Amino acid sequence: MVSREYYYELDARGVLTLDGVVQDNPWFVDFFFRRLAPTANPDYPEYPYVSRCGEEMNYLRVSDTPIVYTGYRDGRLEYAHSLSVAFAPERLSYSADGVLYHWAPVGERGRLVPHVAVEIARNIEPWGPYHAYRQSGSSIVVPLTPLSHGDDLQILRPKPENHCIGCGQANPSSLRLSFVRSRHDKVVRTWIRPDEKLQGALGITHGGIISLLLDETMGKTLSAVGIRAPTASLKVDFRRPMMIGREYEVRAWIHAQQGRKQFVNAAVVSAEDQTVIAQAEALFLQLRSPTHDVQ
């Protein structure tokens, strides 16, 4: 049986058309997007997606993404007529020209139309040179993926099963820090704006919190490359007070490696002018593998 072929277009507003005619039948639009998938047909490179209905092949060319989110309601992003996905801040990304995206079931990510992006962006703020999502009333920031960095940037997020006081999601008292690691210079960074909960008796950030931030960031330089190594020693040089409410960058890098010994350096600097607040040197001792001592 010869299949019938149709060629659809999807614009950046999420409007589906066939030969210039808008397709607005609710049942058909939902049916079309439920069956949408990448096509492996090399004859139609400009139509990289297809929605198949029996012998009917409905090819799709897109101006940007095959899913366009046109609504946001009750914690869900809506597309097509009545389809939706659960909104998750950690699945947000953005382009160099400011277009906001979210994970999508087809095409990796879906574009948010302007009015949806504006609503989501109410909770988006600068995070160092990047951007992060912060729920109203929360101190937890969720970094967005900057698409302009390609594969160079590795985002290290809190893990749901981790009880760590610095980066664990399972610990209700955790700072739930996120980090970025450049695969180019191997430096791990995070940004924090300490609040009153982290202050000491003098109304500045507690020295123990500063030590925690340094230790946590240094540890991430190792865990990011699969090295499990607890802190063996930590030396901190406090240079200036870390003020409450101001933004700071914490950065760390592996200085040297000698067998199981991992020597790591770190610094806390002002995000505004790079003034050094504190510096640290640490020794981490890599755990032996379970089979290391087997005779």
Protein backbone atom coordinates (compact mmCIF):
# COMPACT_ATOMS: atom_id res chain seq x y z
CA MET A 1 0.00 0.00 0.00
CA VAL A 2 1.35 3.43 -0.93
CA SER A 3 1.48 5.81 2.00
CA ARG A 4 0.05 9.30 1.87
CA GLU A 5 2.45 12.07 2.82
CA TYR A 6 1.64 15.50 4.26
CA TYR A 7 4.02 18.30 5.16
CA TYR A 8 3.25 20.42 8.21
CA GLU A 9 4.93 23.49 9.68
CA LEU A 10 5.24 24.55 13.33
CA ASP A 11 6.21 28.13 14.11
CA ALA A 12 7.79 29.59 17.25
CA ARG A 13 4.33 30.42 18.63
CA GLY A 14 3.27 26.77 18.53
CA VAL A 15 0.90 27.23 15.56
CA LEU A 16 0.59 24.11 13.40
CA THR A 17 -0.18 24.66 9.71
CA LEU A 18 -0.64 22.59 6.56
CA ASP A 19 -0.22 24.44 3.25
CA GLY A 20 -0.68 27.70 5.14
CA VAL A 21 -3.92 26.61 6.82
CA VAL A 22 -3.93 26.64 10.64
CA GLN A 23 -4.74 23.25 12.15
CA ASP A 24 -6.96 24.02 15.13
CA ASN A 25 -9.08 20.89 15.55
CA PRO A 26 -8.43 19.98 19.22
CA TRP A 27 -8.66 16.21 18.71
CA PHE A 28 -6.36 16.22 15.69
CA VAL A 29 -3.75 18.53 17.24
CA ASP A 30 -3.45 16.34 20.35
CA PHE A 31 -3.39 13.19 18.21
CA PHE A 32 -0.66 14.69 16.00
CA PHE A 33 1.64 15.59 18.90
CA ARG A 34 1.05 12.37 20.83
CA ARG A 35 2.45 10.42 17.87
CA LEU A 36 5.22 12.85 17.00
CA ALA A 37 8.70 11.34 16.80
CA PRO A 38 12.02 11.92 15.01
CA THR A 39 12.06 10.54 11.51
CA ALA A 40 14.84 8.36 10.17
CA ASN A 41 13.91 9.10 6.55
CA PRO A 42 16.97 10.66 4.84
CA ASP A 43 14.83 11.87 1.96
CA TYR A 44 13.34 14.67 4.08
CA PRO A 45 16.15 16.33 6.09
CA GLU A 46 14.18 19.57 6.31
CA TYR A 47 11.30 17.65 7.93
CA PRO A 48 13.05 15.94 10.87
CA TYR A 49 9.86 14.81 12.66
CA VAL A 50 6.91 12.67 11.69
CA SER A 51 3.52 11.88 13.16
CA ARG A 52 2.33 8.58 11.72
CA CYS A 53 -1.27 7.49 11.42
CA GLY A 54 -1.43 4.07 9.78
CA GLU A 55 -0.14 4.57 6.23
CA GLU A 56 -0.42 8.34 6.55
CA MET A 57 2.93 10.05 7.13
CA ASN A 58 2.61 13.55 8.56
CA TYR A 59 6.04 15.17 8.33
CA LEU A 60 6.88 18.24 10.39
CA ARG A 61 9.27 21.12 9.80
CA VAL A 62 9.87 23.41 12.77
CA SER A 63 11.09 26.98 13.08
CA ASP A 64 12.75 26.10 16.39
CA THR A 65 11.55 23.11 18.43
CA PRO A 66 8.93 20.38 17.79
CA ILE A 67 7.22 21.14 21.09
CA VAL A 68 6.22 24.72 21.93
CA TYR A 69 4.82 25.43 25.38
CA THR A 70 1.90 27.84 25.10
CA GLY A 71 0.51 27.72 28.64
CA TYR A 72 1.50 27.27 32.28
CA ARG A 73 -1.06 26.16 34.86
CA ASP A 74 -1.04 24.20 38.12
CA GLY A 75 2.65 23.41 37.84
CA ARG A 76 2.41 22.05 34.30
CA LEU A 77 3.57 23.37 30.94
CA GLU A 78 0.93 23.00 28.24
CA TYR A 79 1.33 22.33 24.51
CA ALA A 80 -0.79 21.19 21.56
CA HIS A 81 -4.42 21.51 22.73
CA SER A 82 -4.57 19.69 26.07
CA LEU A 83 -1.19 17.96 26.47
CA SER A 84 1.23 18.96 29.22
CA VAL A 85 4.37 18.03 31.15
CA ALA A 86 5.26 18.64 34.78
CA PHE A 87 7.33 21.79 35.24
CA ALA A 88 10.77 21.15 36.77
CA PRO A 89 13.15 24.11 37.25
CA GLU A 90 16.22 21.91 36.80
CA ARG A 91 15.00 21.13 33.27
CA LEU A 92 15.06 24.76 32.17
CA SER A 93 17.65 26.06 29.72
CA TYR A 94 18.19 29.29 27.85
CA SER A 95 19.83 30.48 24.65
CA ALA A 96 22.36 33.28 24.19
CA ASP A 97 19.58 35.59 22.97
CA GLY A 98 17.38 34.91 26.00
CA VAL A 99 14.90 32.32 24.71
CA LEU A 100 13.71 30.06 27.52
CA TYR A 101 13.31 26.30 27.04
CA HIS A 102 12.16 23.31 29.08
CA TRP A 103 12.66 19.59 28.61
CA ALA A 104 10.20 18.12 26.11
CA PRO A 105 9.15 14.56 25.22
CA VAL A 106 10.30 15.13 21.62
CA GLY A 107 13.35 17.04 20.48
CA GLU A 108 15.06 17.24 23.90
CA ARG A 109 13.64 20.67 24.71
CA GLY A 110 10.61 22.82 23.94
CA ARG A 111 10.43 26.57 23.47
CA LEU A 112 8.35 28.68 25.86
CA VAL A 113 6.24 31.33 24.16
CA PRO A 114 6.85 34.87 25.51
CA HIS A 115 3.94 35.13 27.96
CA VAL A 116 4.81 31.75 29.51
CA ALA A 117 8.50 32.67 29.67
CA VAL A 118 7.63 35.95 31.40
CA GLU A 119 5.61 34.11 34.05
CA ILE A 120 8.41 31.61 34.73
CA ALA A 121 11.06 34.36 34.65
CA ARG A 122 9.54 36.02 37.71
CA ASN A 123 11.53 33.47 39.70
CA ILE A 124 14.71 33.60 37.61
CA GLU A 125 17.65 35.68 38.81
CA PRO A 126 21.37 36.09 38.05
CA TRP A 127 23.64 33.44 39.53
CA GLY A 128 27.20 34.52 38.92
CA PRO A 129 27.49 34.87 35.11
CA TYR A 130 24.58 32.45 34.66
CA HIS A 131 20.93 32.33 35.72
CA ALA A 132 19.06 30.29 38.29
CA TYR A 133 15.49 29.64 39.38
CA ARG A 134 14.54 30.50 42.95
CA GLN A 135 11.07 29.75 44.23
CA SER A 136 9.53 32.70 46.06
CA GLY A 137 10.47 32.60 49.75
CA SER A 138 13.15 29.93 49.26
CA SER A 139 16.93 30.23 49.62
CA ILE A 140 17.53 27.30 47.24
CA VAL A 141 18.71 28.21 43.75
CA VAL A 142 18.34 25.87 40.77
CA PRO A 143 20.78 26.68 37.92
CA LEU A 144 19.45 26.85 34.37
CA THR A 145 21.48 25.24 31.60
CA PRO A 146 23.09 27.86 29.32
CA LEU A 147 22.90 26.40 25.82
CA SER A 148 25.63 28.73 24.55
CA HIS A 149 28.25 26.77 26.53
CA GLY A 150 27.63 23.50 24.72
CA ASP A 151 29.19 20.53 26.49
CA ASP A 152 31.89 22.54 28.29
CA LEU A 153 29.77 23.25 31.36
CA GLN A 154 28.92 20.45 33.78
CA ILE A 155 26.17 21.29 36.28
CA LEU A 156 26.42 19.44 39.60
CA ARG A 157 23.03 19.42 41.30
CA PRO A 158 21.88 18.17 44.73
CA LYS A 159 21.05 14.47 44.65
CA PRO A 160 17.68 13.33 46.04
CA GLU A 161 19.23 10.50 48.09
CA ASN A 162 22.10 12.58 49.52
CA HIS A 163 21.92 13.74 53.17
CA CYS A 164 24.96 16.05 52.91
CA ILE A 165 24.60 19.32 54.87
CA GLY A 166 26.12 21.21 51.94
CA CYS A 167 24.62 19.65 48.82
CA GLY A 168 22.14 16.95 49.84
CA GLN A 169 18.54 17.15 48.78
CA ALA A 170 17.38 14.59 51.36
CA ASN A 171 18.53 16.74 54.29
CA PRO A 172 15.93 19.42 55.16
CA SER A 173 18.68 21.53 56.79
CA SER A 174 21.03 21.29 53.79
CA LEU A 175 22.18 24.36 51.87
CA ARG A 176 21.43 22.33 48.73
CA LEU A 177 24.27 23.95 46.85
CA SER A 178 24.60 23.51 43.11
CA PHE A 179 27.90 23.85 41.27
CA VAL A 180 29.24 24.25 37.76
CA ARG A 181 32.44 22.69 36.49
CA SER A 182 34.21 23.85 33.37
CA ARG A 183 35.58 20.92 31.41
CA HIS A 184 38.07 23.40 29.94
CA ASP A 185 39.82 24.71 33.05
CA LYS A 186 38.54 22.00 35.48
CA VAL A 187 37.52 24.66 38.04
CA VAL A 188 34.37 24.06 40.13
CA ARG A 189 32.34 27.14 41.07
CA THR A 190 29.24 28.08 42.98
CA TRP A 191 27.68 31.40 43.97
CA ILE A 192 25.95 32.18 47.23
CA ARG A 193 24.28 35.15 48.87
CA PRO A 194 24.45 34.29 52.60
CA ASP A 195 21.40 35.21 54.66
CA GLU A 196 20.85 35.72 58.39
CA LYS A 197 20.63 31.99 59.07
CA LEU A 198 24.35 31.71 58.22
CA GLN A 199 25.64 34.59 60.34
CA GLY A 200 27.88 34.56 63.39
CA ALA A 201 27.78 36.72 66.51
CA LEU A 202 29.21 39.79 64.73
CA GLY A 203 26.49 39.86 62.06
CA ILE A 204 28.75 38.52 59.32
CA THR A 205 28.89 35.03 57.81
CA HIS A 206 30.05 32.47 60.37
CA GLY A 207 33.60 31.23 59.86
CA GLY A 208 32.40 27.66 60.08
CA ILE A 209 30.01 28.27 57.20
CA ILE A 210 32.83 29.73 55.13
CA SER A 211 34.92 26.63 55.88
CA LEU A 212 31.96 24.43 54.89
CA LEU A 213 31.57 26.27 51.57
CA LEU A 214 35.27 25.87 50.79
CA ASP A 215 35.35 22.21 51.83
CA GLU A 216 32.18 21.40 49.88
CA THR A 217 33.41 23.07 46.69
CA MET A 218 36.80 21.36 46.95
CA GLY A 219 35.12 18.02 47.41
CA LYS A 220 33.12 18.59 44.24
CA THR A 221 36.32 18.90 42.17
CA LEU A 222 36.92 15.25 43.03
CA SER A 223 33.42 13.76 43.02
CA ALA A 224 32.80 15.39 39.63
CA VAL A 225 35.45 13.10 38.13
CA GLY A 226 34.44 10.01 40.12
CA ILE A 227 36.95 10.28 42.97
CA ARG A 228 35.56 9.44 46.42
CA ALA A 229 37.80 11.09 48.99
CA PRO A 230 36.89 12.50 52.43
CA THR A 231 38.72 15.50 53.84
CA ALA A 232 41.91 14.60 55.72
CA SER A 233 43.05 18.13 56.54
CA LEU A 234 41.78 21.64 55.84
CA LYS A 235 43.60 24.95 56.30
CA VAL A 236 41.61 28.16 55.89
CA ASP A 237 43.02 31.69 55.74
CA PHE A 238 40.29 34.24 56.48
CA ARG A 239 41.18 37.52 54.75
CA ARG A 240 38.04 39.68 54.97
CA PRO A 241 34.52 39.38 56.41
CA MET A 242 31.88 37.72 54.27
CA MET A 243 28.93 40.07 54.48
CA ILE A 244 25.31 38.98 54.77
CA GLY A 245 23.21 39.62 51.66
CA ARG A 246 26.06 40.09 49.19
CA GLU A 247 26.90 37.62 46.44
CA TYR A 248 30.12 35.61 46.57
CA GLU A 249 31.80 33.11 44.30
CA VAL A 250 33.39 29.98 45.74
CA ARG A 251 35.87 28.30 43.40
CA ALA A 252 38.08 25.23 43.78
CA TRP A 253 40.56 23.27 41.70
CA ILE A 254 42.78 20.21 42.04
CA HIS A 255 46.33 21.39 42.75
CA ALA A 256 48.17 18.06 42.74
CA GLN A 257 47.65 14.31 43.01
CA GLN A 258 50.02 11.82 44.61
CA GLY A 259 48.67 8.31 44.72
CA ARG A 260 45.61 8.40 46.97
CA LYS A 261 46.42 11.93 48.15
CA GLN A 262 44.42 14.68 46.47
CA PHE A 263 45.62 18.23 47.10
CA VAL A 264 42.93 20.82 46.40
CA ASN A 265 42.89 24.63 46.63
CA ALA A 266 39.93 26.97 46.91
CA ALA A 267 38.93 30.58 47.42
CA VAL A 268 35.92 32.69 48.30
CA VAL A 269 35.84 35.96 46.35
CA SER A 270 33.43 38.85 46.07
CA ALA A 271 31.26 38.41 42.99
CA GLU A 272 31.32 42.19 42.51
CA ASP A 273 35.07 42.89 42.38
CA GLN A 274 36.83 39.52 42.96
CA THR A 275 38.23 40.63 46.33
CA VAL A 276 39.54 37.56 48.14
CA ILE A 277 37.53 36.79 51.29
CA ALA A 278 39.10 33.47 52.24
CA GLN A 279 41.51 30.92 50.82
CA ALA A 280 41.95 27.25 51.61
CA GLU A 281 44.26 24.32 51.06
CA ALA A 282 43.09 20.80 51.74
CA LEU A 283 44.20 17.22 51.56
CA PHE A 284 41.62 14.63 50.56
CA LEU A 285 42.42 10.94 50.88
CA GLN A 286 40.93 8.76 48.17
CA LEU A 287 39.05 5.73 49.45
CA ARG A 288 40.48 2.34 48.61
CA SER A 289 38.46 0.18 46.26
CA PRO A 290 36.52 -2.67 47.95
CA THR A 291 38.84 -5.26 46.37
CA HIS A 292 42.08 -3.46 47.24
CA ASP A 293 42.78 -5.40 50.43
CA VAL A 294 41.58 -8.77 49.21
CA GLN A 295 44.40 -11.32 49.45
